[in-house]
């Protein structure tokens, strides 16, 4: 049995040596695997962070573009309302000017510069002048010449 015990002992020691050498090798490889997994994780995190940042930047630019478009449409609408109100104002001002022009012409022709009133007025002035002349001739018939401001006026 001693041979058998030696064989067992040798086999056991060979298995233990193999086991421990594999454990040492795996320990060495474990550090390398940890470094590799750390490297892979850092690369994944940086990729994920960059990707999230790009998606966030795209979303921000999309929101900004939408808001700027909204402001532009709002300004354009205000400008179109302003142009429309200006054109309406110009139209009504032009219409008011035309109405005022016609009214003033009518009023001037009928009230201020009435042809018939002017004719009556001129006839009355003419008749007053004729009566005055007749009275002057009747009273001062012999005086044919008169002076006014140093000038001689000849009467008929």
N, C-alpha and C. Protein backbone atom coordinates (compact mmCIF):
# COMPACT_ATOMS: atom_id res chain seq x y z
N UNK A 1 0.78 -1.18 0.00
CA UNK A 1 0.00 0.00 0.00
C UNK A 1 0.82 1.25 0.00
N UNK A 2 1.92 1.10 0.26
CA UNK A 2 2.74 2.27 0.27
C UNK A 2 2.94 2.80 -1.12
N UNK A 3 3.01 1.89 -2.07
CA UNK A 3 3.09 2.35 -3.45
C UNK A 3 1.79 3.04 -3.84
N UNK A 4 0.81 2.40 -3.40
CA UNK A 4 -0.51 3.00 -3.72
C UNK A 4 -0.63 4.34 -3.05
N UNK A 5 -0.18 4.51 -1.85
CA UNK A 5 -0.25 5.77 -1.15
C UNK A 5 0.66 6.78 -1.82
N UNK A 6 1.82 6.30 -2.29
CA UNK A 6 2.70 7.21 -2.98
C UNK A 6 2.08 7.67 -4.27
N UNK A 7 1.48 6.75 -4.97
CA UNK A 7 0.83 7.11 -6.23
C UNK A 7 -0.32 8.10 -5.95
N UNK A 8 -1.05 7.78 -4.92
CA UNK A 8 -2.13 8.70 -4.58
C UNK A 8 -1.58 10.06 -4.20
N UNK A 9 -0.52 10.01 -3.40
CA UNK A 9 0.08 11.27 -2.96
C UNK A 9 0.64 12.03 -4.17
N UNK A 10 1.30 11.31 -5.04
CA UNK A 10 1.85 11.95 -6.24
C UNK A 10 0.71 12.48 -7.12
N UNK A 11 -0.32 11.71 -7.28
CA UNK A 11 -1.45 12.14 -8.10
C UNK A 11 -2.13 13.34 -7.46
N UNK A 12 -2.25 13.23 -6.13
CA UNK A 12 -2.87 14.33 -5.42
C UNK A 12 -2.00 15.57 -5.50
N UNK A 13 -0.72 15.41 -5.36
CA UNK A 13 0.15 16.57 -5.44
C UNK A 13 0.18 17.11 -6.85
N UNK A 14 0.10 16.23 -7.86
CA UNK A 14 0.08 16.70 -9.26
C UNK A 14 -1.22 17.46 -9.53
N UNK A 15 -2.30 16.95 -9.03
CA UNK A 15 -3.60 17.63 -9.22
C UNK A 15 -3.58 18.96 -8.51
N UNK A 16 -3.02 18.94 -7.27
CA UNK A 16 -2.95 20.21 -6.52
C UNK A 16 -2.05 21.19 -7.22
N UNK A 17 -0.91 20.72 -7.71
CA UNK A 17 0.00 21.61 -8.43
C UNK A 17 -0.69 22.18 -9.68
N UNK A 18 -1.33 21.29 -10.41
CA UNK A 18 -2.07 21.76 -11.61
C UNK A 18 -3.14 22.78 -11.22
N UNK A 19 -3.84 22.43 -10.16
CA UNK A 19 -4.92 23.33 -9.72
C UNK A 19 -4.36 24.69 -9.33
N UNK A 20 -3.29 24.68 -8.53
CA UNK A 20 -2.74 25.95 -8.07
C UNK A 20 -2.08 26.73 -9.21
N UNK A 21 -1.45 26.01 -10.14
CA UNK A 21 -0.86 26.72 -11.29
C UNK A 21 -1.97 27.32 -12.15
N UNK A 22 -3.06 26.60 -12.31
CA UNK A 22 -4.21 27.15 -13.06
C UNK A 22 -4.81 28.33 -12.31
N UNK A 23 -4.83 28.24 -10.97
CA UNK A 23 -5.37 29.35 -10.17
C UNK A 23 -4.47 30.58 -10.32
N UNK A 24 -3.14 30.36 -10.29
CA UNK A 24 -2.24 31.50 -10.49
C UNK A 24 -2.42 32.10 -11.88
N UNK A 25 -2.54 31.24 -12.87
CA UNK A 25 -2.73 31.72 -14.25
C UNK A 25 -4.06 32.47 -14.37
N UNK A 26 -5.08 31.91 -13.75
CA UNK A 26 -6.39 32.58 -13.83
C UNK A 26 -6.36 33.90 -13.07
N UNK A 27 -5.57 33.95 -11.98
CA UNK A 27 -5.45 35.22 -11.24
C UNK A 27 -4.77 36.26 -12.10
N UNK A 28 -3.72 35.84 -12.79
CA UNK A 28 -3.06 36.77 -13.72
C UNK A 28 -4.01 37.21 -14.83
N UNK A 29 -4.76 36.27 -15.35
CA UNK A 29 -5.72 36.58 -16.42
C UNK A 29 -6.89 37.41 -15.87
N UNK A 30 -7.24 37.19 -14.59
CA UNK A 30 -8.35 37.95 -14.02
C UNK A 30 -8.02 39.44 -14.01
N UNK A 31 -6.79 39.78 -13.64
CA UNK A 31 -6.41 41.20 -13.67
C UNK A 31 -6.51 41.75 -15.08
N UNK A 32 -6.06 40.94 -16.04
CA UNK A 32 -6.15 41.40 -17.43
C UNK A 32 -7.61 41.51 -17.86
N UNK A 33 -8.45 40.56 -17.45
CA UNK A 33 -9.88 40.62 -17.77
C UNK A 33 -10.53 41.84 -17.13
N UNK A 34 -10.14 42.16 -15.89
CA UNK A 34 -10.68 43.36 -15.23
C UNK A 34 -10.28 44.61 -15.99
N UNK A 35 -9.02 44.67 -16.43
CA UNK A 35 -8.58 45.83 -17.21
C UNK A 35 -9.37 45.91 -18.52
N UNK A 36 -9.56 44.76 -19.16
CA UNK A 36 -10.31 44.74 -20.42
C UNK A 36 -11.76 45.15 -20.19
N UNK A 37 -12.38 44.62 -19.11
CA UNK A 37 -13.78 44.97 -18.84
C UNK A 37 -13.90 46.45 -18.46
N UNK A 38 -12.90 46.98 -17.71
CA UNK A 38 -12.90 48.40 -17.38
C UNK A 38 -12.77 49.24 -18.65
N UNK A 39 -11.89 48.80 -19.56
CA UNK A 39 -11.71 49.51 -20.83
C UNK A 39 -13.01 49.48 -21.65
N UNK A 40 -13.62 48.31 -21.73
CA UNK A 40 -14.88 48.18 -22.50
C UNK A 40 -15.97 49.04 -21.86
N UNK A 41 -16.06 49.00 -20.53
CA UNK A 41 -17.08 49.82 -19.85
C UNK A 41 -16.85 51.31 -20.08
N UNK A 42 -15.58 51.75 -20.01
CA UNK A 42 -15.32 53.18 -20.22
C UNK A 42 -15.65 53.57 -21.66
N UNK A 43 -15.29 52.71 -22.61
CA UNK A 43 -15.65 53.00 -24.00
C UNK A 43 -17.16 53.04 -24.19
N UNK A 44 -17.88 52.11 -23.58
CA UNK A 44 -19.33 52.09 -23.69
C UNK A 44 -19.94 53.35 -23.07
N UNK A 45 -19.45 53.75 -21.90
CA UNK A 45 -19.98 54.95 -21.25
C UNK A 45 -19.71 56.19 -22.08
N UNK A 46 -18.50 56.32 -22.63
CA UNK A 46 -18.20 57.51 -23.46
C UNK A 46 -19.06 57.50 -24.72
N UNK A 47 -19.24 56.33 -25.35
CA UNK A 47 -20.11 56.24 -26.53
C UNK A 47 -21.54 56.62 -26.16
N UNK A 48 -22.02 56.08 -25.06
CA UNK A 48 -23.39 56.35 -24.63
C UNK A 48 -23.56 57.83 -24.28
N UNK A 49 -22.57 58.42 -23.60
CA UNK A 49 -22.63 59.84 -23.24
C UNK A 49 -22.65 60.71 -24.50
N UNK A 50 -21.74 60.41 -25.46
CA UNK A 50 -21.72 61.17 -26.72
C UNK A 50 -23.03 61.04 -27.47
N UNK A 51 -23.55 59.82 -27.51
CA UNK A 51 -24.81 59.58 -28.21
C UNK A 51 -25.96 60.34 -27.55
N UNK A 52 -26.01 60.30 -26.21
CA UNK A 52 -27.05 61.04 -25.49
C UNK A 52 -26.90 62.54 -25.71
N UNK A 53 -25.65 63.03 -25.71
CA UNK A 53 -25.41 64.45 -25.94
C UNK A 53 -25.86 64.86 -27.35
N UNK A 54 -25.55 64.03 -28.34
CA UNK A 54 -25.98 64.34 -29.71
C UNK A 54 -27.50 64.34 -29.83
N UNK A 55 -28.16 63.37 -29.20
CA UNK A 55 -29.62 63.34 -29.23
C UNK A 55 -30.20 64.56 -28.52
N UNK A 56 -29.60 64.94 -27.39
CA UNK A 56 -30.05 66.12 -26.66
C UNK A 56 -29.85 67.38 -27.50
N UNK A 57 -28.67 67.49 -28.15
CA UNK A 57 -28.39 68.64 -29.00
C UNK A 57 -29.38 68.72 -30.17
N UNK A 58 -29.67 67.59 -30.77
CA UNK A 58 -30.64 67.55 -31.87
C UNK A 58 -32.02 67.98 -31.38
N UNK A 59 -32.40 67.51 -30.20
CA UNK A 59 -33.71 67.89 -29.64
C UNK A 59 -33.75 69.38 -29.33
N UNK A 60 -32.68 69.92 -28.76
CA UNK A 60 -32.63 71.35 -28.44
C UNK A 60 -32.72 72.18 -29.71
N UNK A 61 -31.95 71.80 -30.75
CA UNK A 61 -32.00 72.54 -32.02
C UNK A 61 -33.38 72.47 -32.65
N UNK A 62 -34.02 71.31 -32.53
CA UNK A 62 -35.37 71.17 -33.08
C UNK A 62 -36.35 72.08 -32.34
N UNK A 63 -36.25 72.12 -31.02
CA UNK A 63 -37.13 73.00 -30.23
C UNK A 63 -36.86 74.46 -30.57
N UNK A 64 -35.57 74.84 -30.67
CA UNK A 64 -35.23 76.22 -31.00
C UNK A 64 -35.76 76.60 -32.38
N UNK A 65 -35.59 75.71 -33.35
CA UNK A 65 -36.07 75.99 -34.70
C UNK A 65 -37.59 76.14 -34.71
N UNK A 66 -38.27 75.28 -33.97
CA UNK A 66 -39.73 75.39 -33.89
C UNK A 66 -40.16 76.70 -33.27
N UNK A 67 -39.48 77.10 -32.20
CA UNK A 67 -39.84 78.35 -31.53
C UNK A 67 -39.53 79.56 -32.40
N UNK A 68 -38.37 79.53 -33.06
CA UNK A 68 -38.04 80.64 -33.96
C UNK A 68 -39.04 80.72 -35.11
N UNK A 69 -39.45 79.58 -35.62
CA UNK A 69 -40.48 79.58 -36.67
C UNK A 69 -41.78 80.16 -36.16
N UNK A 70 -42.14 79.80 -34.92
CA UNK A 70 -43.36 80.34 -34.32
C UNK A 70 -43.26 81.86 -34.21
N UNK A 71 -42.10 82.36 -33.73
CA UNK A 71 -41.93 83.81 -33.61
C UNK A 71 -41.98 84.49 -34.98
N UNK A 72 -41.37 83.87 -35.98
CA UNK A 72 -41.39 84.44 -37.33
C UNK A 72 -42.80 84.49 -37.89
N UNK A 73 -43.57 83.42 -37.70
CA UNK A 73 -44.96 83.43 -38.18
C UNK A 73 -45.78 84.47 -37.43
N UNK A 74 -45.51 84.61 -36.13
CA UNK A 74 -46.24 85.61 -35.33
C UNK A 74 -45.92 87.02 -35.83
N UNK A 75 -44.61 87.30 -36.08
CA UNK A 75 -44.22 88.61 -36.61
C UNK A 75 -44.83 88.85 -37.98
N UNK A 76 -44.83 87.83 -38.83
CA UNK A 76 -45.39 87.98 -40.17
C UNK A 76 -46.89 88.26 -40.09
N UNK A 77 -47.58 87.61 -39.17
CA UNK A 77 -49.01 87.85 -39.01
C UNK A 77 -49.26 89.28 -38.54
N UNK A 78 -48.47 89.73 -37.55
CA UNK A 78 -48.61 91.12 -37.07
C UNK A 78 -48.33 92.10 -38.20
N UNK A 79 -47.28 91.82 -38.99
CA UNK A 79 -46.93 92.70 -40.10
C UNK A 79 -48.05 92.72 -41.14
N UNK A 80 -48.64 91.57 -41.43
CA UNK A 80 -49.72 91.53 -42.42
C UNK A 80 -50.95 92.28 -41.89
N UNK A 81 -51.24 92.16 -40.58
CA UNK A 81 -52.34 92.94 -40.01
C UNK A 81 -52.06 94.43 -40.09
N UNK A 82 -50.81 94.81 -39.85
CA UNK A 82 -50.43 96.22 -39.91
C UNK A 82 -50.55 96.75 -41.34
N UNK A 83 -50.09 95.97 -42.31
CA UNK A 83 -50.19 96.39 -43.71
C UNK A 83 -51.66 96.48 -44.12
N UNK A 84 -52.46 95.53 -43.70
CA UNK A 84 -53.89 95.55 -44.04
C UNK A 84 -54.57 96.76 -43.40
N UNK A 85 -54.26 97.05 -42.14
CA UNK A 85 -54.90 98.20 -41.49
C UNK A 85 -54.43 99.49 -42.14
N UNK A 86 -53.14 99.56 -42.54
CA UNK A 86 -52.65 100.75 -43.24
C UNK A 86 -53.36 100.94 -44.57
N UNK A 87 -53.55 99.85 -45.31
CA UNK A 87 -54.22 99.99 -46.60
C UNK A 87 -55.69 100.37 -46.40
N UNK A 88 -56.32 99.81 -45.36
CA UNK A 88 -57.72 100.21 -45.09
C UNK A 88 -57.78 101.67 -44.70
N UNK A 89 -56.83 102.11 -43.86
CA UNK A 89 -56.79 103.50 -43.43
C UNK A 89 -56.58 104.42 -44.63
N UNK A 90 -55.65 104.06 -45.52
CA UNK A 90 -55.43 104.87 -46.71
C UNK A 90 -56.68 104.92 -47.59
N UNK A 91 -57.36 103.78 -47.72
CA UNK A 91 -58.58 103.75 -48.53
C UNK A 91 -59.64 104.68 -47.95
N UNK A 92 -59.85 104.59 -46.65
CA UNK A 92 -60.89 105.43 -46.04
C UNK A 92 -60.47 106.90 -46.00
N UNK A 93 -59.18 107.18 -45.86
CA UNK A 93 -58.74 108.57 -45.92
C UNK A 93 -58.94 109.14 -47.32
N UNK A 94 -58.65 108.33 -48.34
CA UNK A 94 -58.87 108.77 -49.71
C UNK A 94 -60.37 109.01 -49.95
N UNK A 95 -61.21 108.10 -49.44
CA UNK A 95 -62.65 108.27 -49.60
C UNK A 95 -63.13 109.52 -48.86
N UNK A 96 -62.59 109.76 -47.67
CA UNK A 96 -62.97 110.95 -46.90
C UNK A 96 -62.55 112.22 -47.63
N UNK A 97 -61.36 112.20 -48.24
CA UNK A 97 -60.91 113.37 -48.99
C UNK A 97 -61.83 113.66 -50.17
N UNK A 98 -62.23 112.61 -50.85
CA UNK A 98 -63.14 112.79 -52.00
C UNK A 98 -64.47 113.36 -51.52
N UNK A 99 -65.02 112.80 -50.44
CA UNK A 99 -66.29 113.32 -49.91
C UNK A 99 -66.15 114.77 -49.46
N UNK A 100 -65.05 115.08 -48.78
CA UNK A 100 -64.83 116.46 -48.34
C UNK A 100 -64.71 117.39 -49.53
N UNK A 101 -64.02 116.98 -50.57
CA UNK A 101 -63.85 117.83 -51.74
C UNK A 101 -65.20 118.11 -52.40
N UNK A 102 -66.00 117.05 -52.57
CA UNK A 102 -67.32 117.27 -53.18
C UNK A 102 -68.20 118.14 -52.29
N UNK A 103 -68.18 117.91 -50.97
CA UNK A 103 -69.01 118.71 -50.07
C UNK A 103 -68.59 120.17 -50.08
N UNK A 104 -67.29 120.40 -50.00
CA UNK A 104 -66.81 121.79 -49.99
C UNK A 104 -67.14 122.50 -51.30
N UNK A 105 -67.02 121.81 -52.42
CA UNK A 105 -67.39 122.40 -53.71
C UNK A 105 -68.87 122.74 -53.74
N UNK A 106 -69.68 121.81 -53.29
CA UNK A 106 -71.13 122.04 -53.27
C UNK A 106 -71.48 123.22 -52.36
N UNK A 107 -70.90 123.20 -51.14
CA UNK A 107 -71.18 124.27 -50.19
C UNK A 107 -70.72 125.61 -50.72
N UNK A 108 -69.54 125.62 -51.33
CA UNK A 108 -69.01 126.87 -51.87
C UNK A 108 -69.88 127.39 -53.01
N UNK A 109 -70.33 126.50 -53.87
CA UNK A 109 -71.16 126.94 -54.99
C UNK A 109 -72.54 127.40 -54.53
N UNK A 110 -73.09 126.73 -53.53
CA UNK A 110 -74.46 127.04 -53.13
C UNK A 110 -74.54 128.16 -52.10
N UNK A 111 -73.58 128.23 -51.18
CA UNK A 111 -73.70 129.19 -50.07
C UNK A 111 -72.70 130.34 -50.16
N UNK A 112 -71.42 130.04 -50.35
CA UNK A 112 -70.40 131.07 -50.29
C UNK A 112 -70.35 131.86 -51.58
N UNK A 113 -70.27 131.20 -52.70
CA UNK A 113 -70.12 131.87 -54.00
C UNK A 113 -71.34 131.60 -54.87
N UNK A 114 -72.50 131.82 -54.34
CA UNK A 114 -73.71 131.57 -55.10
C UNK A 114 -73.80 132.57 -56.26
N UNK A 115 -73.99 132.05 -57.44
CA UNK A 115 -74.05 132.89 -58.64
C UNK A 115 -75.20 133.89 -58.55
N UNK A 116 -76.33 133.43 -58.12
CA UNK A 116 -77.50 134.31 -58.08
C UNK A 116 -77.36 135.36 -56.98
N UNK A 117 -76.81 134.95 -55.83
CA UNK A 117 -76.59 135.92 -54.76
C UNK A 117 -75.56 136.98 -55.18
N UNK A 118 -74.54 136.54 -55.87
CA UNK A 118 -73.52 137.49 -56.34
C UNK A 118 -74.13 138.45 -57.37
N UNK A 119 -74.96 137.93 -58.23
CA UNK A 119 -75.59 138.79 -59.24
C UNK A 119 -76.47 139.84 -58.58
N UNK A 120 -77.24 139.41 -57.58
CA UNK A 120 -78.08 140.36 -56.85
C UNK A 120 -77.24 141.40 -56.13
N UNK A 121 -76.16 140.95 -55.52
CA UNK A 121 -75.27 141.87 -54.81
C UNK A 121 -74.67 142.88 -55.79
N UNK A 122 -74.17 142.44 -56.92
CA UNK A 122 -73.59 143.37 -57.90
C UNK A 122 -74.63 144.34 -58.45
N UNK A 123 -75.82 143.86 -58.65
CA UNK A 123 -76.89 144.77 -59.13
C UNK A 123 -77.21 145.82 -58.07
N UNK A 124 -77.22 145.38 -56.79
CA UNK A 124 -77.50 146.37 -55.73
C UNK A 124 -76.35 147.37 -55.60
N UNK A 125 -75.12 146.94 -55.75
CA UNK A 125 -73.98 147.85 -55.69
C UNK A 125 -74.05 148.81 -56.87
N UNK A 126 -74.38 148.31 -58.03
CA UNK A 126 -74.47 149.15 -59.22
C UNK A 126 -75.59 150.19 -59.06
N UNK A 127 -76.73 149.75 -58.54
CA UNK A 127 -77.84 150.70 -58.38
C UNK A 127 -77.51 151.75 -57.32
N UNK A 128 -76.84 151.36 -56.22
CA UNK A 128 -76.44 152.33 -55.19
C UNK A 128 -75.45 153.32 -55.79
N UNK A 129 -74.51 152.83 -56.60
CA UNK A 129 -73.53 153.70 -57.24
C UNK A 129 -74.18 154.67 -58.20
N UNK A 130 -75.16 154.20 -58.95
CA UNK A 130 -75.88 155.08 -59.89
C UNK A 130 -76.64 156.16 -59.13
N UNK A 131 -77.31 155.79 -58.05
CA UNK A 131 -78.04 156.79 -57.27
C UNK A 131 -77.10 157.82 -56.66
N UNK A 132 -75.96 157.35 -56.17
CA UNK A 132 -74.97 158.25 -55.60
C UNK A 132 -74.45 159.21 -56.67
N UNK A 133 -74.16 158.70 -57.85
CA UNK A 133 -73.67 159.54 -58.93
C UNK A 133 -74.73 160.58 -59.32
N UNK A 134 -75.97 160.15 -59.42
CA UNK A 134 -77.04 161.10 -59.78
C UNK A 134 -77.18 162.18 -58.71
N UNK A 135 -77.10 161.79 -57.43
CA UNK A 135 -77.17 162.79 -56.35
C UNK A 135 -75.99 163.75 -56.41
N UNK A 136 -74.82 163.23 -56.67
CA UNK A 136 -73.64 164.10 -56.76
C UNK A 136 -73.76 165.06 -57.95
N UNK A 137 -74.21 164.60 -59.08
CA UNK A 137 -74.40 165.48 -60.23
C UNK A 137 -75.45 166.52 -59.95
N UNK A 138 -76.49 166.11 -59.24
CA UNK A 138 -77.56 167.07 -58.95
C UNK A 138 -77.06 168.16 -58.01
N UNK A 139 -76.26 167.77 -57.02
CA UNK A 139 -75.78 168.76 -56.06
C UNK A 139 -74.58 169.54 -56.58
N UNK A 140 -73.69 168.91 -57.22
CA UNK A 140 -72.46 169.56 -57.66
C UNK A 140 -72.28 169.38 -59.16
N UNK A 141 -73.17 169.69 -59.90
CA UNK A 141 -73.14 169.51 -61.35
C UNK A 141 -72.08 170.34 -62.02
N UNK A 142 -71.80 171.53 -61.45
CA UNK A 142 -70.85 172.42 -62.11
C UNK A 142 -69.41 171.96 -61.92
N UNK A 143 -69.14 171.22 -60.87
CA UNK A 143 -67.78 170.76 -60.62
C UNK A 143 -67.51 169.48 -61.43
N UNK A 144 -66.64 169.65 -62.40
CA UNK A 144 -66.31 168.50 -63.22
C UNK A 144 -64.96 167.93 -62.85
N UNK A 145 -64.12 168.82 -62.24
CA UNK A 145 -62.78 168.39 -61.88
C UNK A 145 -62.66 168.34 -60.37
N UNK A 146 -62.03 167.33 -59.86
CA UNK A 146 -61.78 167.21 -58.43
C UNK A 146 -60.36 166.69 -58.25
N UNK A 147 -59.82 166.93 -57.09
CA UNK A 147 -58.47 166.42 -56.81
C UNK A 147 -58.56 165.39 -55.68
N UNK A 148 -57.75 164.46 -55.84
CA UNK A 148 -57.68 163.41 -54.81
C UNK A 148 -56.23 163.02 -54.66
N UNK A 149 -55.67 163.23 -53.47
CA UNK A 149 -54.27 162.96 -53.17
C UNK A 149 -53.35 163.64 -54.18
N UNK A 150 -53.68 164.86 -54.52
CA UNK A 150 -52.84 165.66 -55.41
C UNK A 150 -53.01 165.36 -56.86
N UNK A 151 -53.95 164.50 -57.26
CA UNK A 151 -54.15 164.18 -58.67
C UNK A 151 -55.50 164.73 -59.09
N UNK A 152 -55.58 165.12 -60.32
CA UNK A 152 -56.82 165.67 -60.87
C UNK A 152 -57.66 164.54 -61.42
N UNK A 153 -58.90 164.49 -60.97
CA UNK A 153 -59.83 163.47 -61.44
C UNK A 153 -60.88 164.18 -62.27
N UNK A 154 -61.05 163.74 -63.49
CA UNK A 154 -62.05 164.35 -64.38
C UNK A 154 -63.28 163.50 -64.33
N UNK A 155 -64.40 164.18 -64.04
CA UNK A 155 -65.66 163.45 -63.98
C UNK A 155 -66.38 163.58 -65.30
N UNK A 156 -67.17 162.72 -65.61
CA UNK A 156 -67.93 162.75 -66.86
C UNK A 156 -69.27 163.37 -66.67
